[in-house]
């Protein structure tokens, strides 16, 4: 039985007890029993709703992340890397050295921590926790970044499913639901093929940025060092699928 159905057994059982108490209280004329039954039914309904909502945890920009997505694949990052043939590093400043615009150039005290790297489908990739400080924030801001190294540079651009409100005026429509900005907008549409956009949609990725030979996407919060190993591995494959759909790949 799926985990969610097992967790629904208790609230459904309690609701049945509440219905029985309500029925007996009504038939026998016991007001207290009837009202107790109603309370139990209400609490059981709330419990069932909680189970259903909890199983769809909020992900990046409203994208659903299921509880199954958060299951660990290995006891530690090192064990996960060894199992998959990846490499693991505590930090790697070189992952940020090339960035001049966009997410990886945003803020100060920038760090790439808990780095996982490897090669899949002939393309080198990295997953890391990007930490930086921005004006107005109470403390460091954390983001999990997926990066793929392309065989050849592509025109720089930043693509969003829903652009940030503060910068929305700088973005141009590309396809239904997608907007982009770039120093040379005319050269971007031929790069972002229908196949690439379709793979972004299929993978639930809402952000894509290219600069030089690198392609990145991200999700708010930390994943690569925590219990979201399944998301780390899954989104590596999703970004690689997008990269393979670009003309440069």
C-alpha atoms as a PDB file:
ATOM      1  CA  UNK A   1       0.000   0.000   0.000  1.00  0.00           C
ATOM      2  CA  UNK A   2       1.408   3.467  -0.868  1.00  0.00           C
ATOM      3  CA  UNK A   3       2.661   5.503   2.094  1.00  0.00           C
ATOM      4  CA  UNK A   4      -0.006   8.165   1.719  1.00  0.00           C
ATOM      5  CA  UNK A   5      -2.836   5.573   1.805  1.00  0.00           C
ATOM      6  CA  UNK A   6      -1.356   3.967   4.930  1.00  0.00           C
ATOM      7  CA  UNK A   7      -1.298   7.353   6.636  1.00  0.00           C
ATOM      8  CA  UNK A   8      -4.938   7.942   5.690  1.00  0.00           C
ATOM      9  CA  UNK A   9      -6.084   4.782   7.484  1.00  0.00           C
ATOM     10  CA  UNK A  10      -6.129   6.396  10.944  1.00  0.00           C
ATOM     11  CA  UNK A  11      -8.167   9.520  10.062  1.00  0.00           C
ATOM     12  CA  UNK A  12     -10.626   7.410   8.038  1.00  0.00           C
ATOM     13  CA  UNK A  13     -11.005   4.951  10.918  1.00  0.00           C
ATOM     14  CA  UNK A  14     -11.547   7.802  13.385  1.00  0.00           C
ATOM     15  CA  UNK A  15     -14.120   9.343  11.055  1.00  0.00           C
ATOM     16  CA  UNK A  16     -15.984   6.037  10.992  1.00  0.00           C
ATOM     17  CA  UNK A  17     -16.014   5.952  14.807  1.00  0.00           C
ATOM     18  CA  UNK A  18     -17.259   9.542  14.809  1.00  0.00           C
ATOM     19  CA  UNK A  19     -20.085   8.653  12.396  1.00  0.00           C
ATOM     20  CA  UNK A  20     -21.071   5.729  14.580  1.00  0.00           C
ATOM     21  CA  UNK A  21     -21.108   7.945  17.687  1.00  0.00           C
ATOM     22  CA  UNK A  22     -23.154  10.589  15.874  1.00  0.00           C
ATOM     23  CA  UNK A  23     -25.672   7.977  14.700  1.00  0.00           C
ATOM     24  CA  UNK A  24     -26.020   6.398  18.165  1.00  0.00           C
ATOM     25  CA  UNK A  25     -26.344   9.795  19.823  1.00  0.00           C
ATOM     26  CA  UNK A  26     -29.066  10.794  17.389  1.00  0.00           C
ATOM     27  CA  UNK A  27     -31.015   7.518  17.685  1.00  0.00           C
ATOM     28  CA  UNK A  28     -30.744   7.268  21.470  1.00  0.00           C
ATOM     29  CA  UNK A  29     -31.149  10.965  22.105  1.00  0.00           C
ATOM     30  CA  UNK A  30     -27.731  11.449  23.742  1.00  0.00           C
ATOM     31  CA  UNK A  31     -26.740  14.971  22.792  1.00  0.00           C
ATOM     32  CA  UNK A  32     -23.238  14.687  24.237  1.00  0.00           C
ATOM     33  CA  UNK A  33     -22.477  11.527  22.242  1.00  0.00           C
ATOM     34  CA  UNK A  34     -23.853  13.096  19.065  1.00  0.00           C
ATOM     35  CA  UNK A  35     -21.750  16.240  19.422  1.00  0.00           C
ATOM     36  CA  UNK A  36     -18.673  14.200  20.318  1.00  0.00           C
ATOM     37  CA  UNK A  37     -19.176  12.255  17.112  1.00  0.00           C
ATOM     38  CA  UNK A  38     -19.326  15.491  15.122  1.00  0.00           C
ATOM     39  CA  UNK A  39     -16.099  16.737  16.714  1.00  0.00           C
ATOM     40  CA  UNK A  40     -14.331  13.448  15.928  1.00  0.00           C
ATOM     41  CA  UNK A  41     -15.557  13.606  12.311  1.00  0.00           C
ATOM     42  CA  UNK A  42     -14.271  17.177  11.973  1.00  0.00           C
ATOM     43  CA  UNK A  43     -10.872  16.389  13.455  1.00  0.00           C
ATOM     44  CA  UNK A  44     -10.567  13.306  11.252  1.00  0.00           C
ATOM     45  CA  UNK A  45     -11.333  15.371   8.163  1.00  0.00           C
ATOM     46  CA  UNK A  46      -8.638  17.880   9.139  1.00  0.00           C
ATOM     47  CA  UNK A  47      -6.195  15.020   9.657  1.00  0.00           C
ATOM     48  CA  UNK A  48      -6.928  13.615   6.201  1.00  0.00           C
ATOM     49  CA  UNK A  49      -6.465  17.046   4.617  1.00  0.00           C
ATOM     50  CA  UNK A  50      -3.134  17.447   6.431  1.00  0.00           C
ATOM     51  CA  UNK A  51      -1.909  14.092   5.089  1.00  0.00           C
ATOM     52  CA  UNK A  52      -2.836  15.050   1.529  1.00  0.00           C
ATOM     53  CA  UNK A  53      -1.265  18.526   1.778  1.00  0.00           C
ATOM     54  CA  UNK A  54       1.891  17.298   3.506  1.00  0.00           C
ATOM     55  CA  UNK A  55       2.486  14.880   0.662  1.00  0.00           C
ATOM     56  CA  UNK A  56       2.825  17.830  -1.711  1.00  0.00           C
ATOM     57  CA  UNK A  57       5.514  19.958  -0.098  1.00  0.00           C
ATOM     58  CA  UNK A  58       6.166  23.386  -1.634  1.00  0.00           C
ATOM     59  CA  UNK A  59       9.092  23.413  -4.048  1.00  0.00           C
ATOM     60  CA  UNK A  60      10.599  26.144  -6.155  1.00  0.00           C
ATOM     61  CA  UNK A  61       8.062  28.749  -7.269  1.00  0.00           C
ATOM     62  CA  UNK A  62       5.101  26.588  -6.351  1.00  0.00           C
ATOM     63  CA  UNK A  63       6.298  23.443  -8.130  1.00  0.00           C
ATOM     64  CA  UNK A  64       5.179  20.386  -6.157  1.00  0.00           C
ATOM     65  CA  UNK A  65       7.822  18.306  -4.410  1.00  0.00           C
ATOM     66  CA  UNK A  66       6.383  15.067  -3.091  1.00  0.00           C
ATOM     67  CA  UNK A  67       7.374  13.502   0.201  1.00  0.00           C
ATOM     68  CA  UNK A  68       8.852  10.647  -1.847  1.00  0.00           C
ATOM     69  CA  UNK A  69      11.178  13.168  -3.491  1.00  0.00           C
ATOM     70  CA  UNK A  70      12.741  13.851  -0.093  1.00  0.00           C
ATOM     71  CA  UNK A  71      13.675  10.262   0.625  1.00  0.00           C
ATOM     72  CA  UNK A  72      17.409   9.712   1.194  1.00  0.00           C
ATOM     73  CA  UNK A  73      19.282   7.564  -1.317  1.00  0.00           C
ATOM     74  CA  UNK A  74      22.383   7.109   0.841  1.00  0.00           C
ATOM     75  CA  UNK A  75      23.499   7.753   4.408  1.00  0.00           C
ATOM     76  CA  UNK A  76      25.864  10.574   3.424  1.00  0.00           C
ATOM     77  CA  UNK A  77      26.806  12.721   0.429  1.00  0.00           C
ATOM     78  CA  UNK A  78      30.093  10.835   0.151  1.00  0.00           C
ATOM     79  CA  UNK A  79      28.283   7.512   0.008  1.00  0.00           C
ATOM     80  CA  UNK A  80      25.868   8.858  -2.596  1.00  0.00           C
ATOM     81  CA  UNK A  81      28.762  10.143  -4.721  1.00  0.00           C
ATOM     82  CA  UNK A  82      30.620   6.832  -4.439  1.00  0.00           C
ATOM     83  CA  UNK A  83      27.524   4.874  -5.444  1.00  0.00           C
ATOM     84  CA  UNK A  84      26.954   7.030  -8.531  1.00  0.00           C
ATOM     85  CA  UNK A  85      30.595   7.440  -9.517  1.00  0.00           C
ATOM     86  CA  UNK A  86      30.539  11.155  -8.721  1.00  0.00           C
ATOM     87  CA  UNK A  87      33.094  13.287  -6.890  1.00  0.00           C
ATOM     88  CA  UNK A  88      32.425  15.230  -3.705  1.00  0.00           C
ATOM     89  CA  UNK A  89      34.104  18.400  -2.399  1.00  0.00           C
ATOM     90  CA  UNK A  90      33.375  20.624   0.584  1.00  0.00           C
ATOM     91  CA  UNK A  91      33.682  23.753  -1.581  1.00  0.00           C
ATOM     92  CA  UNK A  92      34.890  24.923  -4.987  1.00  0.00           C
ATOM     93  CA  UNK A  93      35.311  28.652  -5.686  1.00  0.00           C
ATOM     94  CA  UNK A  94      36.058  27.956  -9.365  1.00  0.00           C
ATOM     95  CA  UNK A  95      32.371  27.244  -9.960  1.00  0.00           C
ATOM     96  CA  UNK A  96      31.650  30.941  -9.338  1.00  0.00           C
ATOM     97  CA  UNK A  97      34.738  32.601 -10.835  1.00  0.00           C
ATOM     98  CA  UNK A  98      33.321  32.827 -14.364  1.00  0.00           C
ATOM     99  CA  UNK A  99      29.980  34.417 -13.399  1.00  0.00           C
ATOM    100  CA  UNK A 100      29.494  38.043 -14.394  1.00  0.00           C
ATOM    101  CA  UNK A 101      25.694  38.300 -14.453  1.00  0.00           C
ATOM    102  CA  UNK A 102      22.618  36.569 -13.114  1.00  0.00           C
ATOM    103  CA  UNK A 103      22.190  34.349 -10.092  1.00  0.00           C
ATOM    104  CA  UNK A 104      25.819  33.391  -9.475  1.00  0.00           C
ATOM    105  CA  UNK A 105      26.989  37.021  -9.553  1.00  0.00           C
ATOM    106  CA  UNK A 106      24.277  38.140  -7.130  1.00  0.00           C
ATOM    107  CA  UNK A 107      25.363  39.420  -3.716  1.00  0.00           C
ATOM    108  CA  UNK A 108      28.602  39.266  -1.761  1.00  0.00           C
ATOM    109  CA  UNK A 109      30.586  36.648   0.153  1.00  0.00           C
ATOM    110  CA  UNK A 110      29.611  34.118  -2.496  1.00  0.00           C
ATOM    111  CA  UNK A 111      30.466  30.465  -1.820  1.00  0.00           C
ATOM    112  CA  UNK A 112      29.850  27.122  -3.544  1.00  0.00           C
ATOM    113  CA  UNK A 113      29.599  24.511  -0.785  1.00  0.00           C
ATOM    114  CA  UNK A 114      28.815  20.777  -0.593  1.00  0.00           C
ATOM    115  CA  UNK A 115      29.763  20.214  -4.219  1.00  0.00           C
ATOM    116  CA  UNK A 116      28.900  17.055  -6.159  1.00  0.00           C
ATOM    117  CA  UNK A 117      30.414  16.663  -9.649  1.00  0.00           C
ATOM    118  CA  UNK A 118      30.475  14.016 -12.333  1.00  0.00           C
ATOM    119  CA  UNK A 119      30.054  13.198 -16.018  1.00  0.00           C
ATOM    120  CA  UNK A 120      26.823  11.929 -17.580  1.00  0.00           C
ATOM    121  CA  UNK A 121      26.016  11.524 -21.273  1.00  0.00           C
ATOM    122  CA  UNK A 122      29.414  13.013 -22.069  1.00  0.00           C
ATOM    123  CA  UNK A 123      28.689  16.259 -20.216  1.00  0.00           C
ATOM    124  CA  UNK A 124      30.313  17.393 -16.966  1.00  0.00           C
ATOM    125  CA  UNK A 125      27.951  18.689 -14.292  1.00  0.00           C
ATOM    126  CA  UNK A 126      28.007  20.015 -10.738  1.00  0.00           C
ATOM    127  CA  UNK A 127      25.450  20.406  -7.965  1.00  0.00           C
ATOM    128  CA  UNK A 128      26.231  22.704  -5.079  1.00  0.00           C
ATOM    129  CA  UNK A 129      24.836  24.918  -2.356  1.00  0.00           C
ATOM    130  CA  UNK A 130      25.276  28.519  -3.405  1.00  0.00           C
ATOM    131  CA  UNK A 131      25.523  30.830  -0.400  1.00  0.00           C
ATOM    132  CA  UNK A 132      25.715  34.613  -0.619  1.00  0.00           C
ATOM    133  CA  UNK A 133      24.730  37.773   1.212  1.00  0.00           C
ATOM    134  CA  UNK A 134      22.427  40.346  -0.372  1.00  0.00           C
ATOM    135  CA  UNK A 135      21.588  43.877   0.816  1.00  0.00           C
ATOM    136  CA  UNK A 136      18.566  43.850   3.072  1.00  0.00           C
ATOM    137  CA  UNK A 137      18.746  40.148   3.997  1.00  0.00           C
ATOM    138  CA  UNK A 138      19.076  39.203   7.663  1.00  0.00           C
ATOM    139  CA  UNK A 139      21.689  36.555   6.898  1.00  0.00           C
ATOM    140  CA  UNK A 140      23.196  34.419   4.145  1.00  0.00           C
ATOM    141  CA  UNK A 141      20.801  33.221   1.429  1.00  0.00           C
ATOM    142  CA  UNK A 142      21.017  29.604   0.287  1.00  0.00           C
ATOM    143  CA  UNK A 143      20.183  28.161  -3.121  1.00  0.00           C
ATOM    144  CA  UNK A 144      20.846  24.745  -4.639  1.00  0.00           C
ATOM    145  CA  UNK A 145      22.364  25.116  -8.116  1.00  0.00           C
ATOM    146  CA  UNK A 146      22.655  22.547 -10.893  1.00  0.00           C
ATOM    147  CA  UNK A 147      25.285  23.339 -13.541  1.00  0.00           C
ATOM    148  CA  UNK A 148      26.221  21.661 -16.830  1.00  0.00           C
ATOM    149  CA  UNK A 149      29.369  22.398 -18.827  1.00  0.00           C
ATOM    150  CA  UNK A 150      28.490  22.557 -22.532  1.00  0.00           C
ATOM    151  CA  UNK A 151      30.897  21.573 -25.347  1.00  0.00           C
ATOM    152  CA  UNK A 152      30.684  25.066 -26.843  1.00  0.00           C
ATOM    153  CA  UNK A 153      29.642  28.488 -25.466  1.00  0.00           C
ATOM    154  CA  UNK A 154      26.068  29.609 -26.111  1.00  0.00           C
ATOM    155  CA  UNK A 155      24.739  33.187 -26.228  1.00  0.00           C
ATOM    156  CA  UNK A 156      24.169  34.466 -22.684  1.00  0.00           C
ATOM    157  CA  UNK A 157      20.539  34.542 -21.562  1.00  0.00           C
ATOM    158  CA  UNK A 158      18.302  34.058 -18.543  1.00  0.00           C
ATOM    159  CA  UNK A 159      14.993  32.267 -18.973  1.00  0.00           C
ATOM    160  CA  UNK A 160      12.164  32.141 -16.432  1.00  0.00           C
ATOM    161  CA  UNK A 161       8.793  30.492 -16.259  1.00  0.00           C
ATOM    162  CA  UNK A 162       7.701  33.441 -14.138  1.00  0.00           C
ATOM    163  CA  UNK A 163      10.303  36.252 -14.036  1.00  0.00           C
ATOM    164  CA  UNK A 164      11.068  37.992 -10.714  1.00  0.00           C
ATOM    165  CA  UNK A 165       8.689  40.911 -10.187  1.00  0.00           C
ATOM    166  CA  UNK A 166      11.489  43.412  -9.636  1.00  0.00           C
ATOM    167  CA  UNK A 167      13.018  42.703 -13.064  1.00  0.00           C
ATOM    168  CA  UNK A 168       9.943  41.695 -15.048  1.00  0.00           C
ATOM    169  CA  UNK A 169      10.106  44.702 -17.375  1.00  0.00           C
ATOM    170  CA  UNK A 170      13.523  43.562 -18.632  1.00  0.00           C
ATOM    171  CA  UNK A 171      12.179  40.237 -19.939  1.00  0.00           C
ATOM    172  CA  UNK A 172      10.787  39.440 -23.386  1.00  0.00           C
ATOM    173  CA  UNK A 173       8.201  36.738 -24.172  1.00  0.00           C
ATOM    174  CA  UNK A 174       9.657  33.657 -25.845  1.00  0.00           C
ATOM    175  CA  UNK A 175       6.874  31.068 -25.772  1.00  0.00           C
ATOM    176  CA  UNK A 176       3.607  30.727 -23.826  1.00  0.00           C
ATOM    177  CA  UNK A 177       4.551  31.041 -20.150  1.00  0.00           C
ATOM    178  CA  UNK A 178       8.257  31.668 -20.801  1.00  0.00           C
ATOM    179  CA  UNK A 179      10.189  34.962 -20.826  1.00  0.00           C
ATOM    180  CA  UNK A 180      13.883  35.725 -21.257  1.00  0.00           C
ATOM    181  CA  UNK A 181      16.417  38.516 -21.153  1.00  0.00           C
ATOM    182  CA  UNK A 182      19.737  38.680 -22.958  1.00  0.00           C
ATOM    183  CA  UNK A 183      22.336  41.217 -24.125  1.00  0.00           C
ATOM    184  CA  UNK A 184      21.557  40.179 -27.725  1.00  0.00           C
ATOM    185  CA  UNK A 185      17.936  38.971 -27.713  1.00  0.00           C
ATOM    186  CA  UNK A 186      17.770  38.077 -31.411  1.00  0.00           C
ATOM    187  CA  UNK A 187      20.255  35.200 -31.080  1.00  0.00           C
ATOM    188  CA  UNK A 188      18.474  33.446 -28.180  1.00  0.00           C
ATOM    189  CA  UNK A 189      15.295  31.944 -29.747  1.00  0.00           C
ATOM    190  CA  UNK A 190      17.260  29.666 -32.149  1.00  0.00           C
ATOM    191  CA  UNK A 191      19.154  28.286 -29.123  1.00  0.00           C
ATOM    192  CA  UNK A 192      16.075  27.589 -27.016  1.00  0.00           C
ATOM    193  CA  UNK A 193      14.495  25.007 -29.272  1.00  0.00           C
ATOM    194  CA  UNK A 194      11.019  23.580 -28.868  1.00  0.00           C
ATOM    195  CA  UNK A 195      12.587  20.390 -27.584  1.00  0.00           C
ATOM    196  CA  UNK A 196      14.559  22.292 -24.932  1.00  0.00           C
ATOM    197  CA  UNK A 197      11.440  24.132 -23.750  1.00  0.00           C
ATOM    198  CA  UNK A 198       9.444  20.898 -23.733  1.00  0.00           C
ATOM    199  CA  UNK A 199      12.089  19.238 -21.554  1.00  0.00           C
ATOM    200  CA  UNK A 200      12.033  22.188 -19.163  1.00  0.00           C
ATOM    201  CA  UNK A 201       8.266  21.787 -18.900  1.00  0.00           C
ATOM    202  CA  UNK A 202       8.472  18.029 -18.416  1.00  0.00           C
ATOM    203  CA  UNK A 203      11.136  18.416 -15.758  1.00  0.00           C
ATOM    204  CA  UNK A 204       9.306  21.121 -13.810  1.00  0.00           C
ATOM    205  CA  UNK A 205      12.303  23.464 -14.133  1.00  0.00           C
ATOM    206  CA  UNK A 206      11.333  27.154 -13.935  1.00  0.00           C
ATOM    207  CA  UNK A 207      14.720  28.829 -14.447  1.00  0.00           C
ATOM    208  CA  UNK A 208      17.527  28.409 -16.961  1.00  0.00           C
ATOM    209  CA  UNK A 209      20.612  30.572 -17.343  1.00  0.00           C
ATOM    210  CA  UNK A 210      23.462  30.368 -19.849  1.00  0.00           C
ATOM    211  CA  UNK A 211      26.776  32.165 -19.704  1.00  0.00           C
ATOM    212  CA  UNK A 212      29.750  31.042 -21.716  1.00  0.00           C
ATOM    213  CA  UNK A 213      29.811  27.245 -21.810  1.00  0.00           C
ATOM    214  CA  UNK A 214      27.730  26.842 -18.643  1.00  0.00           C
ATOM    215  CA  UNK A 215      24.036  26.131 -18.208  1.00  0.00           C
ATOM    216  CA  UNK A 216      22.437  26.372 -14.761  1.00  0.00           C
ATOM    217  CA  UNK A 217      19.115  25.997 -12.999  1.00  0.00           C
ATOM    218  CA  UNK A 218      18.305  26.279  -9.314  1.00  0.00           C
ATOM    219  CA  UNK A 219      15.859  25.675  -6.472  1.00  0.00           C
ATOM    220  CA  UNK A 220      15.594  27.799  -3.322  1.00  0.00           C
ATOM    221  CA  UNK A 221      17.077  26.269  -0.180  1.00  0.00           C
ATOM    222  CA  UNK A 222      19.611  23.504   0.405  1.00  0.00           C
ATOM    223  CA  UNK A 223      19.376  20.078  -1.181  1.00  0.00           C
ATOM    224  CA  UNK A 224      22.823  18.692  -1.908  1.00  0.00           C
ATOM    225  CA  UNK A 225      23.860  18.229   1.727  1.00  0.00           C
ATOM    226  CA  UNK A 226      20.448  17.419   3.187  1.00  0.00           C
ATOM    227  CA  UNK A 227      17.778  14.774   2.808  1.00  0.00           C
ATOM    228  CA  UNK A 228      16.742  15.737  -0.715  1.00  0.00           C
ATOM    229  CA  UNK A 229      19.204  13.472  -2.493  1.00  0.00           C
ATOM    230  CA  UNK A 230      16.518  12.171  -4.843  1.00  0.00           C
ATOM    231  CA  UNK A 231      15.865  15.734  -6.055  1.00  0.00           C
ATOM    232  CA  UNK A 232      19.593  16.283  -6.568  1.00  0.00           C
ATOM    233  CA  UNK A 233      19.947  13.213  -8.784  1.00  0.00           C
ATOM    234  CA  UNK A 234      16.642  13.735 -10.583  1.00  0.00           C
ATOM    235  CA  UNK A 235      17.360  17.352 -11.520  1.00  0.00           C
ATOM    236  CA  UNK A 236      20.840  16.472 -12.758  1.00  0.00           C
ATOM    237  CA  UNK A 237      19.153  14.253 -15.336  1.00  0.00           C
ATOM    238  CA  UNK A 238      16.554  16.916 -16.132  1.00  0.00           C
ATOM    239  CA  UNK A 239      19.116  19.659 -16.750  1.00  0.00           C
ATOM    240  CA  UNK A 240      21.263  17.291 -18.816  1.00  0.00           C
ATOM    241  CA  UNK A 241      18.212  16.499 -20.962  1.00  0.00           C
ATOM    242  CA  UNK A 242      17.716  20.227 -21.589  1.00  0.00           C
ATOM    243  CA  UNK A 243      21.417  20.703 -22.373  1.00  0.00           C
ATOM    244  CA  UNK A 244      21.315  17.898 -24.929  1.00  0.00           C
ATOM    245  CA  UNK A 245      18.463  19.681 -26.714  1.00  0.00           C
ATOM    246  CA  UNK A 246      20.521  22.846 -27.297  1.00  0.00           C
ATOM    247  CA  UNK A 247      22.242  23.224 -30.682  1.00  0.00           C
ATOM    248  CA  UNK A 248      25.641  23.611 -28.970  1.00  0.00           C
ATOM    249  CA  UNK A 249      25.284  20.234 -27.243  1.00  0.00           C
END
